[in-house]
Amino acid sequence: MKNNKKKEQQINYLDLIPERSGQLRWHEDIRGKMVLEIENKGAFNTIAQKLFNKPRYTKIHLDQNGTFIWPLIDGKKTVAEIAALVKEEFGEKAEPLYPRIVKYFQIMESYHFVDFINKPKK
């Protein structure tokens, strides 16, 4: 178990190239904030949609930073390049820049909203 932890720590997220999931739809709301839409698929979700009027799509509303970052995720820029653009846009409000942006991408990856093109396989 400790070996997995060490391997995870060796990955430098700043060198990784994020790519948006092809499973997601997104749009800008009337306030200019990005909204990600995740389709609720599978038998359980279909039953829940019919019986309990659950929505077909779950909507995730991104904050100001997330709204700025989302369009920058193009499968070409590294996390470090995106971080530099965030610093340019938000200045001191972006600090602590690297820990925050790495955490943002770890969370986005954990929900399968992004994948990393060049992340080493476990």
Protein backbone atom coordinates (compact mmCIF):
# COMPACT_ATOMS: atom_id res chain seq x y z
CA MET A 1 0.00 0.00 0.00
CA LYS A 2 2.83 2.40 0.77
CA ASN A 3 4.36 1.79 -2.69
CA ASN A 4 1.21 3.11 -4.41
CA LYS A 5 1.41 6.24 -2.26
CA LYS A 6 5.03 6.80 -3.31
CA LYS A 7 4.23 6.29 -6.99
CA GLU A 8 1.35 8.77 -6.77
CA GLN A 9 3.63 11.35 -5.14
CA GLN A 10 6.29 10.94 -7.86
CA ILE A 11 3.87 12.16 -10.52
CA ASN A 12 4.48 15.85 -11.19
CA TYR A 13 1.01 17.15 -12.01
CA LEU A 14 2.49 20.37 -13.42
CA ASP A 15 4.00 18.37 -16.32
CA LEU A 16 0.75 16.58 -17.15
CA ILE A 17 -1.48 17.51 -20.09
CA PRO A 18 -5.18 17.44 -19.19
CA GLU A 19 -7.91 16.62 -21.68
CA ARG A 20 -11.66 17.06 -21.11
CA SER A 21 -13.79 13.93 -20.96
CA GLY A 22 -15.73 13.15 -24.12
CA GLN A 23 -18.62 12.03 -21.89
CA LEU A 24 -19.35 15.59 -20.73
CA ARG A 25 -21.38 18.40 -22.20
CA TRP A 26 -20.88 21.95 -20.98
CA HIS A 27 -22.19 25.45 -21.50
CA GLU A 28 -21.99 28.93 -20.00
CA ASP A 29 -24.89 30.04 -17.82
CA ILE A 30 -26.42 33.53 -17.91
CA ARG A 31 -23.89 34.76 -15.33
CA GLY A 32 -20.97 33.63 -17.50
CA LYS A 33 -20.11 30.62 -15.30
CA MET A 34 -19.29 27.24 -16.83
CA VAL A 35 -21.78 24.41 -16.20
CA LEU A 36 -20.72 20.79 -16.76
CA GLU A 37 -23.47 18.29 -17.56
CA ILE A 38 -23.04 14.61 -16.72
CA GLU A 39 -25.50 12.15 -18.21
CA ASN A 40 -26.94 9.74 -15.65
CA LYS A 41 -26.72 6.42 -17.51
CA GLY A 42 -27.30 2.81 -16.56
CA ALA A 43 -30.25 0.71 -15.44
CA PHE A 44 -30.46 2.17 -11.92
CA ASN A 45 -30.45 5.75 -13.24
CA THR A 46 -33.06 4.93 -15.88
CA ILE A 47 -35.38 3.50 -13.22
CA ALA A 48 -34.75 6.49 -10.92
CA GLN A 49 -35.51 8.88 -13.79
CA LYS A 50 -38.82 7.17 -14.55
CA LEU A 51 -40.01 6.39 -11.02
CA PHE A 52 -38.66 9.34 -9.06
CA ASN A 53 -38.42 11.99 -11.79
CA LYS A 54 -34.66 12.21 -11.36
CA PRO A 55 -32.96 14.36 -14.00
CA ARG A 56 -31.23 12.77 -16.97
CA TYR A 57 -28.30 15.13 -16.51
CA THR A 58 -26.56 16.26 -13.34
CA LYS A 59 -25.27 19.83 -13.57
CA ILE A 60 -22.02 20.94 -11.94
CA HIS A 61 -21.63 24.73 -11.66
CA LEU A 62 -17.98 25.81 -11.66
CA ASP A 63 -16.70 28.78 -9.68
CA GLN A 64 -14.80 31.73 -11.17
CA ASN A 65 -11.45 29.88 -11.27
CA GLY A 66 -13.00 26.69 -12.68
CA THR A 67 -14.86 28.72 -15.32
CA PHE A 68 -11.57 30.35 -16.37
CA ILE A 69 -9.64 27.06 -16.41
CA TRP A 70 -12.19 24.80 -18.18
CA PRO A 71 -11.81 26.30 -21.72
CA LEU A 72 -8.01 26.16 -21.34
CA ILE A 73 -8.10 22.35 -21.03
CA ASP A 74 -7.41 21.51 -24.66
CA GLY A 75 -5.20 18.41 -24.61
CA LYS A 76 -2.19 20.56 -25.54
CA LYS A 77 -1.35 22.79 -22.55
CA THR A 78 0.33 21.37 -19.46
CA VAL A 79 -1.02 22.07 -15.98
CA ALA A 80 1.98 24.41 -15.48
CA GLU A 81 1.04 26.41 -18.61
CA ILE A 82 -2.56 26.65 -17.41
CA ALA A 83 -1.30 27.73 -13.96
CA ALA A 84 0.69 30.56 -15.57
CA LEU A 85 -2.48 31.80 -17.32
CA VAL A 86 -4.41 31.60 -14.03
CA LYS A 87 -1.66 33.65 -12.32
CA GLU A 88 -1.80 36.21 -15.15
CA GLU A 89 -5.62 36.47 -14.87
CA PHE A 90 -6.09 36.44 -11.07
CA GLY A 91 -2.70 37.58 -9.71
CA GLU A 92 -2.40 37.28 -5.93
CA LYS A 93 -5.97 35.93 -5.65
CA ALA A 94 -4.69 32.71 -7.28
CA GLU A 95 -2.23 32.01 -4.46
CA PRO A 96 -1.19 29.46 -3.33
CA LEU A 97 -1.21 28.78 -7.07
CA TYR A 98 0.42 25.37 -7.55
CA PRO A 99 -1.14 23.49 -4.62
CA ARG A 100 -4.59 24.84 -5.58
CA ILE A 101 -4.33 24.04 -9.28
CA VAL A 102 -2.93 20.56 -8.62
CA LYS A 103 -5.82 19.89 -6.20
CA TYR A 104 -8.30 21.21 -8.79
CA PHE A 105 -7.00 18.78 -11.41
CA GLN A 106 -6.87 15.87 -8.94
CA ILE A 107 -10.54 16.47 -8.13
CA MET A 108 -11.48 16.85 -11.81
CA GLU A 109 -9.66 13.59 -12.54
CA SER A 110 -11.31 11.76 -9.62
CA TYR A 111 -14.75 12.59 -11.05
CA HIS A 112 -13.58 11.59 -14.56
CA PHE A 113 -14.14 15.12 -15.89
CA VAL A 114 -10.56 15.17 -17.21
CA ASP A 115 -7.94 12.64 -18.13
CA PHE A 116 -4.21 13.18 -18.54
CA ILE A 117 -2.76 12.32 -21.93
CA ASN A 118 0.77 11.80 -20.65
CA LYS A 119 0.15 10.38 -17.14
CA PRO A 120 2.16 7.21 -16.51
CA LYS A 121 -0.03 4.14 -16.10
CA LYS A 122 0.05 2.45 -12.68
